[in-house]
PDB file of all heavy atoms in Angstrom:
ATOM      1  N   ILE A   1     143.315  73.359 154.114  1.00  0.00           N
ATOM      2  CA  ILE A   1     143.390  74.577 154.904  1.00  0.00           C
ATOM      3  C   ILE A   1     142.322  74.616 155.928  1.00  0.00           C
ATOM      4  O   ILE A   1     142.597  74.971 157.100  1.00  0.00           O
ATOM      5  CB  ILE A   1     143.425  75.869 153.992  1.00  0.00           C
ATOM      6  CG1 ILE A   1     144.665  75.937 153.174  1.00  0.00           C
ATOM      7  CG2 ILE A   1     143.206  77.128 154.827  1.00  0.00           C
ATOM      8  CD1 ILE A   1     144.686  77.067 152.067  1.00  0.00           C
ATOM      9  N   LEU A   2     141.129  74.259 155.534  1.00  0.00           N
ATOM     10  CA  LEU A   2     140.018  74.161 156.487  1.00  0.00           C
ATOM     11  C   LEU A   2     140.379  73.158 157.653  1.00  0.00           C
ATOM     12  O   LEU A   2     139.994  73.405 158.840  1.00  0.00           O
ATOM     13  CB  LEU A   2     138.756  73.736 155.821  1.00  0.00           C
ATOM     14  CG  LEU A   2     138.035  74.687 154.915  1.00  0.00           C
ATOM     15  CD1 LEU A   2     136.906  74.017 154.162  1.00  0.00           C
ATOM     16  CD2 LEU A   2     137.606  75.935 155.616  1.00  0.00           C
ATOM     17  N   GLY A   3     141.051  72.048 157.276  1.00  0.00           N
ATOM     18  CA  GLY A   3     141.315  71.095 158.227  1.00  0.00           C
ATOM     19  C   GLY A   3     142.665  71.207 158.982  1.00  0.00           C
ATOM     20  O   GLY A   3     143.024  70.342 159.834  1.00  0.00           O
ATOM     21  N   GLY A   4     143.355  72.360 158.748  1.00  0.00           N
ATOM     22  CA  GLY A   4     144.585  72.606 159.538  1.00  0.00           C
ATOM     23  C   GLY A   4     145.763  71.740 159.000  1.00  0.00           C
ATOM     24  O   GLY A   4     146.767  71.700 159.760  1.00  0.00           O
ATOM     25  N   LEU A   5     145.635  71.134 157.842  1.00  0.00           N
ATOM     26  CA  LEU A   5     146.761  70.409 157.267  1.00  0.00           C
ATOM     27  C   LEU A   5     147.695  71.222 156.420  1.00  0.00           C
ATOM     28  O   LEU A   5     148.852  70.830 156.120  1.00  0.00           O
ATOM     29  CB  LEU A   5     146.214  69.257 156.437  1.00  0.00           C
ATOM     30  CG  LEU A   5     145.391  68.113 157.124  1.00  0.00           C
ATOM     31  CD1 LEU A   5     144.744  67.227 156.140  1.00  0.00           C
ATOM     32  CD2 LEU A   5     146.239  67.400 158.197  1.00  0.00           C
ATOM     33  N   ASP A   6     147.285  72.380 156.086  1.00  0.00           N
ATOM     34  CA  ASP A   6     148.107  73.360 155.286  1.00  0.00           C
ATOM     35  C   ASP A   6     147.743  74.720 155.716  1.00  0.00           C
ATOM     36  O   ASP A   6     146.701  75.007 156.318  1.00  0.00           O
ATOM     37  CB  ASP A   6     147.750  73.157 153.704  1.00  0.00           C
ATOM     38  CG  ASP A   6     148.839  73.604 152.848  1.00  0.00           C
ATOM     39  OD1 ASP A   6     149.807  74.256 153.385  1.00  0.00           O
ATOM     40  OD2 ASP A   6     148.717  73.521 151.633  1.00  0.00           O
ATOM     41  N   ARG A   7     148.633  75.640 155.445  1.00  0.00           N
ATOM     42  CA  ARG A   7     148.412  77.026 155.840  1.00  0.00           C
ATOM     43  C   ARG A   7     148.202  77.942 154.652  1.00  0.00           C
ATOM     44  O   ARG A   7     148.817  77.689 153.576  1.00  0.00           O
ATOM     45  CB  ARG A   7     149.685  77.561 156.661  1.00  0.00           C
ATOM     46  CG  ARG A   7     150.048  76.707 157.781  1.00  0.00           C
ATOM     47  CD  ARG A   7     150.997  77.464 158.754  1.00  0.00           C
ATOM     48  NE  ARG A   7     150.219  78.514 159.438  1.00  0.00           N
ATOM     49  CZ  ARG A   7     150.106  78.603 160.795  1.00  0.00           C
ATOM     50  NH1 ARG A   7     150.529  77.658 161.544  1.00  0.00           N
ATOM     51  NH2 ARG A   7     149.371  79.557 161.302  1.00  0.00           N
ATOM     52  N   ALA A   8     147.320  78.847 154.773  1.00  0.00           N
ATOM     53  CA  ALA A   8     147.000  79.828 153.756  1.00  0.00           C
ATOM     54  C   ALA A   8     148.136  80.877 153.569  1.00  0.00           C
ATOM     55  O   ALA A   8     148.864  81.175 154.513  1.00  0.00           O
ATOM     56  CB  ALA A   8     145.629  80.539 154.076  1.00  0.00           C
ATOM     57  N   THR A   9     148.243  81.335 152.362  1.00  0.00           N
ATOM     58  CA  THR A   9     149.260  82.442 152.085  1.00  0.00           C
ATOM     59  C   THR A   9     148.668  83.731 152.513  1.00  0.00           C
ATOM     60  O   THR A   9     149.353  84.597 153.089  1.00  0.00           O
ATOM     61  CB  THR A   9     149.553  82.473 150.586  1.00  0.00           C
ATOM     62  OG1 THR A   9     150.088  81.226 150.139  1.00  0.00           O
ATOM     63  CG2 THR A   9     150.562  83.507 150.292  1.00  0.00           C
ATOM     64  N   ALA A  10     147.319  83.893 152.273  1.00  0.00           N
ATOM     65  CA  ALA A  10     146.622  85.129 152.753  1.00  0.00           C
ATOM     66  C   ALA A  10     145.158  84.761 152.869  1.00  0.00           C
ATOM     67  O   ALA A  10     144.695  83.737 152.389  1.00  0.00           O
ATOM     68  CB  ALA A  10     146.849  86.241 151.731  1.00  0.00           C
ATOM     69  N   GLY A  11     144.368  85.638 153.601  1.00  0.00           N
ATOM     70  CA  GLY A  11     142.976  85.476 153.744  1.00  0.00           C
ATOM     71  C   GLY A  11     142.575  85.051 155.140  1.00  0.00           C
ATOM     72  O   GLY A  11     143.491  84.989 156.065  1.00  0.00           O
ATOM     73  N   TYR A  12     141.305  84.744 155.302  1.00  0.00           N
ATOM     74  CA  TYR A  12     140.715  84.529 156.660  1.00  0.00           C
ATOM     75  C   TYR A  12     139.931  83.279 156.654  1.00  0.00           C
ATOM     76  O   TYR A  12     139.092  83.117 155.781  1.00  0.00           O
ATOM     77  CB  TYR A  12     139.850  85.773 157.034  1.00  0.00           C
ATOM     78  CG  TYR A  12     139.065  85.641 158.282  1.00  0.00           C
ATOM     79  CD1 TYR A  12     139.569  85.999 159.533  1.00  0.00           C
ATOM     80  CD2 TYR A  12     137.755  85.161 158.213  1.00  0.00           C
ATOM     81  CE1 TYR A  12     138.827  85.941 160.666  1.00  0.00           C
ATOM     82  CE2 TYR A  12     136.964  85.109 159.329  1.00  0.00           C
ATOM     83  CZ  TYR A  12     137.563  85.477 160.560  1.00  0.00           C
ATOM     84  OH  TYR A  12     136.724  85.410 161.695  1.00  0.00           O
ATOM     85  N   VAL A  13     140.155  82.365 157.633  1.00  0.00           N
ATOM     86  CA  VAL A  13     139.293  81.160 157.795  1.00  0.00           C
ATOM     87  C   VAL A  13     138.931  81.055 159.224  1.00  0.00           C
ATOM     88  O   VAL A  13     139.757  81.017 160.159  1.00  0.00           O
ATOM     89  CB  VAL A  13     140.097  79.912 157.380  1.00  0.00           C
ATOM     90  CG1 VAL A  13     139.222  78.696 157.640  1.00  0.00           C
ATOM     91  CG2 VAL A  13     140.450  79.951 155.887  1.00  0.00           C
ATOM     92  N   LYS A  14     137.591  80.982 159.449  1.00  0.00           N
ATOM     93  CA  LYS A  14     137.079  80.765 160.826  1.00  0.00           C
ATOM     94  C   LYS A  14     136.209  79.497 160.846  1.00  0.00           C
ATOM     95  O   LYS A  14     135.318  79.352 160.003  1.00  0.00           O
ATOM     96  CB  LYS A  14     136.295  81.953 161.276  1.00  0.00           C
ATOM     97  CG  LYS A  14     135.805  81.955 162.747  1.00  0.00           C
ATOM     98  CD  LYS A  14     135.076  83.194 163.145  1.00  0.00           C
ATOM     99  CE  LYS A  14     134.670  83.295 164.554  1.00  0.00           C
ATOM    100  NZ  LYS A  14     134.020  84.506 164.906  1.00  0.00           N
ATOM    101  N   VAL A  15     136.494  78.565 161.729  1.00  0.00           N
ATOM    102  CA  VAL A  15     135.792  77.293 161.778  1.00  0.00           C
ATOM    103  C   VAL A  15     135.289  77.109 163.301  1.00  0.00           C
ATOM    104  O   VAL A  15     136.067  76.982 164.232  1.00  0.00           O
ATOM    105  CB  VAL A  15     136.629  76.107 161.435  1.00  0.00           C
ATOM    106  CG1 VAL A  15     135.897  74.797 161.619  1.00  0.00           C
ATOM    107  CG2 VAL A  15     137.109  76.286 160.010  1.00  0.00           C
ATOM    108  N   PHE A  16     133.924  77.138 163.503  1.00  0.00           N
ATOM    109  CA  PHE A  16     133.396  77.013 164.871  1.00  0.00           C
ATOM    110  C   PHE A  16     134.109  77.896 165.844  1.00  0.00           C
ATOM    111  O   PHE A  16     134.634  77.372 166.853  1.00  0.00           O
ATOM    112  CB  PHE A  16     133.414  75.579 165.223  1.00  0.00           C
ATOM    113  CG  PHE A  16     132.358  74.746 164.531  1.00  0.00           C
ATOM    114  CD1 PHE A  16     132.753  73.965 163.460  1.00  0.00           C
ATOM    115  CD2 PHE A  16     131.067  74.714 164.900  1.00  0.00           C
ATOM    116  CE1 PHE A  16     131.859  73.155 162.762  1.00  0.00           C
ATOM    117  CE2 PHE A  16     130.058  73.926 164.280  1.00  0.00           C
ATOM    118  CZ  PHE A  16     130.461  73.176 163.149  1.00  0.00           C
ATOM    119  N   GLU A  17     134.078  79.214 165.577  1.00  0.00           N
ATOM    120  CA  GLU A  17     134.655  80.180 166.498  1.00  0.00           C
ATOM    121  C   GLU A  17     136.213  80.130 166.585  1.00  0.00           C
ATOM    122  O   GLU A  17     136.807  80.951 167.390  1.00  0.00           O
ATOM    123  CB  GLU A  17     134.077  79.998 167.935  1.00  0.00           C
ATOM    124  CG  GLU A  17     132.545  80.136 167.947  1.00  0.00           C
ATOM    125  CD  GLU A  17     132.038  81.410 167.271  1.00  0.00           C
ATOM    126  OE1 GLU A  17     132.600  82.453 167.423  1.00  0.00           O
ATOM    127  OE2 GLU A  17     130.998  81.246 166.534  1.00  0.00           O
ATOM    128  N   THR A  18     136.879  79.249 165.864  1.00  0.00           N
ATOM    129  CA  THR A  18     138.326  79.227 165.886  1.00  0.00           C
ATOM    130  C   THR A  18     138.853  79.871 164.618  1.00  0.00           C
ATOM    131  O   THR A  18     138.498  79.441 163.477  1.00  0.00           O
ATOM    132  CB  THR A  18     138.828  77.781 165.931  1.00  0.00           C
ATOM    133  OG1 THR A  18     138.374  77.176 167.162  1.00  0.00           O
ATOM    134  CG2 THR A  18     140.353  77.756 165.845  1.00  0.00           C
ATOM    135  N   GLU A  19     139.672  80.909 164.734  1.00  0.00           N
ATOM    136  CA  GLU A  19     140.299  81.564 163.602  1.00  0.00           C
ATOM    137  C   GLU A  19     141.539  80.736 163.167  1.00  0.00           C
ATOM    138  O   GLU A  19     142.620  80.877 163.706  1.00  0.00           O
ATOM    139  CB  GLU A  19     140.675  83.011 163.891  1.00  0.00           C
ATOM    140  CG  GLU A  19     141.039  83.757 162.586  1.00  0.00           C
ATOM    141  CD  GLU A  19     141.339  85.252 162.972  1.00  0.00           C
ATOM    142  OE1 GLU A  19     140.735  85.799 163.992  1.00  0.00           O
ATOM    143  OE2 GLU A  19     142.182  85.840 162.267  1.00  0.00           O
ATOM    144  N   VAL A  20     141.260  79.789 162.208  1.00  0.00           N
ATOM    145  CA  VAL A  20     142.291  78.865 161.846  1.00  0.00           C
ATOM    146  C   VAL A  20     143.491  79.485 161.342  1.00  0.00           C
ATOM    147  O   VAL A  20     144.676  79.055 161.494  1.00  0.00           O
ATOM    148  CB  VAL A  20     141.760  77.862 160.816  1.00  0.00           C
ATOM    149  CG1 VAL A  20     142.754  76.778 160.434  1.00  0.00           C
ATOM    150  CG2 VAL A  20     140.472  77.185 161.449  1.00  0.00           C
ATOM    151  N   THR A  21     143.337  80.572 160.531  1.00  0.00           N
ATOM    152  CA  THR A  21     144.524  81.216 159.884  1.00  0.00           C
ATOM    153  C   THR A  21     145.477  81.911 160.812  1.00  0.00           C
ATOM    154  O   THR A  21     146.516  82.288 160.421  1.00  0.00           O
ATOM    155  CB  THR A  21     143.924  82.241 158.813  1.00  0.00           C
ATOM    156  OG1 THR A  21     142.760  82.846 159.262  1.00  0.00           O
ATOM    157  CG2 THR A  21     143.603  81.521 157.472  1.00  0.00           C
ATOM    158  N   SER A  22     145.075  82.037 162.075  1.00  0.00           N
ATOM    159  CA  SER A  22     145.949  82.680 163.066  1.00  0.00           C
ATOM    160  C   SER A  22     146.539  81.756 164.050  1.00  0.00           C
ATOM    161  O   SER A  22     147.256  82.150 164.969  1.00  0.00           O
ATOM    162  CB  SER A  22     145.209  83.811 163.761  1.00  0.00           C
ATOM    163  OG  SER A  22     144.207  83.305 164.574  1.00  0.00           O
ATOM    164  N   LEU A  23     146.260  80.432 163.880  1.00  0.00           N
ATOM    165  CA  LEU A  23     146.810  79.461 164.885  1.00  0.00           C
ATOM    166  C   LEU A  23     148.284  79.189 164.697  1.00  0.00           C
ATOM    167  O   LEU A  23     148.735  79.077 163.548  1.00  0.00           O
ATOM    168  CB  LEU A  23     146.031  78.120 164.690  1.00  0.00           C
ATOM    169  CG  LEU A  23     144.567  78.098 165.056  1.00  0.00           C
ATOM    170  CD1 LEU A  23     143.895  76.741 164.862  1.00  0.00           C
ATOM    171  CD2 LEU A  23     144.293  78.601 166.573  1.00  0.00           C
ATOM    172  N   ALA A  24     148.983  78.978 165.796  1.00  0.00           N
ATOM    173  CA  ALA A  24     150.360  78.548 165.793  1.00  0.00           C
ATOM    174  C   ALA A  24     150.414  77.043 165.486  1.00  0.00           C
ATOM    175  O   ALA A  24     149.393  76.343 165.638  1.00  0.00           O
ATOM    176  CB  ALA A  24     150.989  78.878 167.209  1.00  0.00           C
ATOM    177  N   PRO A  25     151.581  76.585 165.077  1.00  0.00           N
ATOM    178  CA  PRO A  25     151.715  75.187 164.716  1.00  0.00           C
ATOM    179  C   PRO A  25     151.198  74.180 165.765  1.00  0.00           C
ATOM    180  O   PRO A  25     150.509  73.148 165.494  1.00  0.00           O
ATOM    181  CB  PRO A  25     153.220  74.899 164.526  1.00  0.00           C
ATOM    182  CG  PRO A  25     153.670  76.319 163.999  1.00  0.00           C
ATOM    183  CD  PRO A  25     152.886  77.292 164.823  1.00  0.00           C
ATOM    184  N   ASP A  26     151.563  74.397 167.107  1.00  0.00           N
ATOM    185  CA  ASP A  26     151.076  73.495 168.130  1.00  0.00           C
ATOM    186  C   ASP A  26     149.566  73.586 168.361  1.00  0.00           C
ATOM    187  O   ASP A  26     148.864  72.660 168.681  1.00  0.00           O
ATOM    188  CB  ASP A  26     151.849  73.742 169.449  1.00  0.00           C
ATOM    189  CG  ASP A  26     151.712  75.143 169.964  1.00  0.00           C
ATOM    190  OD1 ASP A  26     151.526  76.126 169.094  1.00  0.00           O
ATOM    191  OD2 ASP A  26     151.712  75.408 171.165  1.00  0.00           O
ATOM    192  N   GLU A  27     148.958  74.820 168.124  1.00  0.00           N
ATOM    193  CA  GLU A  27     147.571  74.993 168.197  1.00  0.00           C
ATOM    194  C   GLU A  27     146.891  74.263 167.083  1.00  0.00           C
ATOM    195  O   GLU A  27     145.736  73.815 167.245  1.00  0.00           O
ATOM    196  CB  GLU A  27     147.197  76.543 168.181  1.00  0.00           C
ATOM    197  CG  GLU A  27     147.685  77.195 169.505  1.00  0.00           C
ATOM    198  CD  GLU A  27     147.539  78.762 169.382  1.00  0.00           C
ATOM    199  OE1 GLU A  27     147.751  79.297 168.247  1.00  0.00           O
ATOM    200  OE2 GLU A  27     147.201  79.313 170.387  1.00  0.00           O
ATOM    201  N   LEU A  28     147.471  74.279 165.859  1.00  0.00           N
ATOM    202  CA  LEU A  28     146.875  73.568 164.773  1.00  0.00           C
ATOM    203  C   LEU A  28     146.718  72.027 165.006  1.00  0.00           C
ATOM    204  O   LEU A  28     145.786  71.463 164.671  1.00  0.00           O
ATOM    205  CB  LEU A  28     147.751  73.778 163.515  1.00  0.00           C
ATOM    206  CG  LEU A  28     147.482  75.046 162.673  1.00  0.00           C
ATOM    207  CD1 LEU A  28     148.513  75.165 161.573  1.00  0.00           C
ATOM    208  CD2 LEU A  28     146.088  75.073 162.164  1.00  0.00           C
ATOM    209  N   VAL A  29     147.788  71.516 165.725  1.00  0.00           N
ATOM    210  CA  VAL A  29     147.680  70.078 166.091  1.00  0.00           C
ATOM    211  C   VAL A  29     146.504  69.779 166.934  1.00  0.00           C
ATOM    212  O   VAL A  29     145.713  68.863 166.673  1.00  0.00           O
ATOM    213  CB  VAL A  29     149.023  69.577 166.764  1.00  0.00           C
ATOM    214  CG1 VAL A  29     148.813  68.178 167.328  1.00  0.00           C
ATOM    215  CG2 VAL A  29     150.179  69.752 165.905  1.00  0.00           C
TER     216      VAL A  29
END
């Protein structure tokens, strides 16, 4: 989940100013 290889069911993850849990699939790439 931290690496953007899987998506969380719930919760909040922020990595270097990027809110990973809110990224769209193309943004995750």
